[in-house]
């Protein structure tokens, strides 16, 4: 199994260095705050989302309750405005249902472009 622990070689969908998504709580497949992936990551957790109530309700209805804390996994549960690395397939599913959360493009891994377009992701970019 190969783990790229050198985050300096990871790029986002804009072609620049990948920025952290959320470190408290630590998100991502590696729980290091970055939306990075490897072949063994069957969910492909590459989208850095800023979750909304619509998305949290939607994903709960699909069997993935991200709102409820799970202490033994050190997961506090997400609230509206929380940042979290999502599976690209769940993000796309939510987008098709009109429930996609906002996206932090600088923290979304370039691997997302294997599944969707930059243009679609940009529609959900949260500009502060």
Protein backbone atom coordinates (compact mmCIF):
# COMPACT_ATOMS: atom_id res chain seq x y z
CA UNK A 1 0.00 0.00 0.00
CA UNK A 2 1.40 3.40 -1.01
CA UNK A 3 0.69 6.48 1.08
CA UNK A 4 1.80 9.84 -0.22
CA UNK A 5 2.65 11.57 3.04
CA UNK A 6 4.23 14.50 1.22
CA UNK A 7 1.28 16.90 0.92
CA UNK A 8 3.50 19.33 -1.01
CA UNK A 9 2.94 17.11 -4.08
CA UNK A 10 -0.87 17.26 -3.87
CA UNK A 11 -2.81 19.69 -6.07
CA UNK A 12 -6.31 21.10 -6.04
CA UNK A 13 -8.82 21.51 -8.88
CA UNK A 14 -7.34 24.94 -9.67
CA UNK A 15 -3.88 23.44 -10.26
CA UNK A 16 -2.31 25.00 -7.18
CA UNK A 17 -1.12 23.32 -3.98
CA UNK A 18 -3.89 21.61 -2.04
CA UNK A 19 -4.92 23.55 1.07
CA UNK A 20 -6.29 21.93 4.23
CA UNK A 21 -10.05 21.53 4.45
CA UNK A 22 -10.57 21.12 8.20
CA UNK A 23 -8.20 20.11 10.97
CA UNK A 24 -10.58 20.41 13.94
CA UNK A 25 -12.13 17.96 13.62
CA UNK A 26 -9.59 16.36 11.31
CA UNK A 27 -11.24 15.38 8.05
CA UNK A 28 -10.20 13.38 5.01
CA UNK A 29 -9.44 9.75 4.35
CA UNK A 30 -6.20 10.11 6.33
CA UNK A 31 -7.81 12.30 9.02
CA UNK A 32 -5.04 14.85 8.45
CA UNK A 33 -7.28 17.73 7.40
CA UNK A 34 -6.68 17.29 3.66
CA UNK A 35 -9.07 15.89 1.04
CA UNK A 36 -6.49 13.46 -0.33
CA UNK A 37 -7.08 9.97 -1.61
CA UNK A 38 -5.43 6.69 -2.50
CA UNK A 39 -6.64 3.66 -4.41
CA UNK A 40 -7.88 2.01 -1.20
CA UNK A 41 -10.21 4.97 -0.51
CA UNK A 42 -13.33 3.45 -2.04
CA UNK A 43 -15.29 6.64 -1.34
CA UNK A 44 -12.77 8.97 -3.00
CA UNK A 45 -13.03 11.67 -0.29
CA UNK A 46 -11.78 14.57 -2.42
CA UNK A 47 -14.40 17.34 -2.21
CA UNK A 48 -13.93 19.92 0.53
CA UNK A 49 -17.52 20.87 1.30
CA UNK A 50 -19.01 23.58 3.48
CA UNK A 51 -22.14 21.78 4.58
CA UNK A 52 -25.63 23.22 4.51
CA UNK A 53 -28.81 22.14 6.30
CA UNK A 54 -30.24 20.90 3.00
CA UNK A 55 -27.18 18.73 2.42
CA UNK A 56 -27.09 17.36 6.00
CA UNK A 57 -30.79 16.45 5.78
CA UNK A 58 -30.29 14.91 2.34
CA UNK A 59 -27.28 12.77 3.24
CA UNK A 60 -29.04 11.60 6.41
CA UNK A 61 -32.03 10.52 4.30
CA UNK A 62 -29.58 8.50 2.15
CA UNK A 63 -28.20 6.62 5.18
CA UNK A 64 -25.13 8.74 5.99
CA UNK A 65 -25.92 10.78 9.10
CA UNK A 66 -23.13 13.33 9.40
CA UNK A 67 -24.95 15.41 12.05
CA UNK A 68 -24.83 12.94 14.93
CA UNK A 69 -21.64 12.75 17.01
CA UNK A 70 -19.83 9.40 17.12
CA UNK A 71 -17.49 9.74 20.13
CA UNK A 72 -15.62 6.44 19.65
CA UNK A 73 -14.49 7.72 16.22
CA UNK A 74 -13.76 11.18 17.67
CA UNK A 75 -16.42 12.54 15.32
CA UNK A 76 -18.31 15.51 16.83
CA UNK A 77 -21.02 15.61 14.17
CA UNK A 78 -21.24 18.33 11.56
CA UNK A 79 -23.21 21.54 11.80
CA UNK A 80 -24.25 24.01 9.13
CA UNK A 81 -21.06 25.73 7.99
CA UNK A 82 -18.74 22.85 8.97
CA UNK A 83 -16.08 21.93 6.42
CA UNK A 84 -15.63 18.23 5.63
CA UNK A 85 -14.11 16.03 2.93
CA UNK A 86 -16.94 14.35 1.06
CA UNK A 87 -16.97 11.43 -1.32
CA UNK A 88 -17.21 12.75 -4.85
CA UNK A 89 -20.06 10.33 -5.59
CA UNK A 90 -22.17 11.66 -2.67
CA UNK A 91 -21.48 15.25 -3.69
CA UNK A 92 -22.57 14.50 -7.27
CA UNK A 93 -25.64 12.64 -6.03
CA UNK A 94 -26.58 15.64 -3.88
CA UNK A 95 -25.93 17.99 -6.79
CA UNK A 96 -28.32 16.03 -9.03
CA UNK A 97 -30.93 16.22 -6.25
CA UNK A 98 -30.44 19.99 -5.87
CA UNK A 99 -28.89 19.58 -2.39
CA UNK A 100 -25.15 19.96 -3.02
CA UNK A 101 -23.19 21.87 -0.38
CA UNK A 102 -20.76 24.67 -1.11
CA UNK A 103 -17.21 23.76 -2.16
CA UNK A 104 -13.79 25.11 -1.18
CA UNK A 105 -11.96 24.78 -4.50
CA UNK A 106 -8.51 25.38 -3.02
CA UNK A 107 -9.03 22.41 -0.68
CA UNK A 108 -10.73 20.10 -3.23
CA UNK A 109 -8.31 17.55 -4.68
CA UNK A 110 -7.67 17.50 -8.44
CA UNK A 111 -8.92 13.88 -8.49
CA UNK A 112 -12.45 15.34 -8.39
CA UNK A 113 -11.93 16.36 -12.02
CA UNK A 114 -11.90 12.67 -12.97
CA UNK A 115 -15.62 12.66 -12.06
CA UNK A 116 -16.92 16.15 -12.77
CA UNK A 117 -15.95 19.45 -14.35
CA UNK A 118 -14.33 22.49 -12.83
CA UNK A 119 -17.27 24.50 -14.15
CA UNK A 120 -19.77 22.50 -12.10
CA UNK A 121 -17.65 22.74 -8.96
CA UNK A 122 -17.27 26.51 -9.47
CA UNK A 123 -21.08 26.91 -9.36
CA UNK A 124 -20.85 25.88 -5.69
CA UNK A 125 -17.78 27.86 -4.72
CA UNK A 126 -18.37 29.80 -1.53
CA UNK A 127 -16.95 33.27 -2.05
CA UNK A 128 -16.31 35.09 1.21
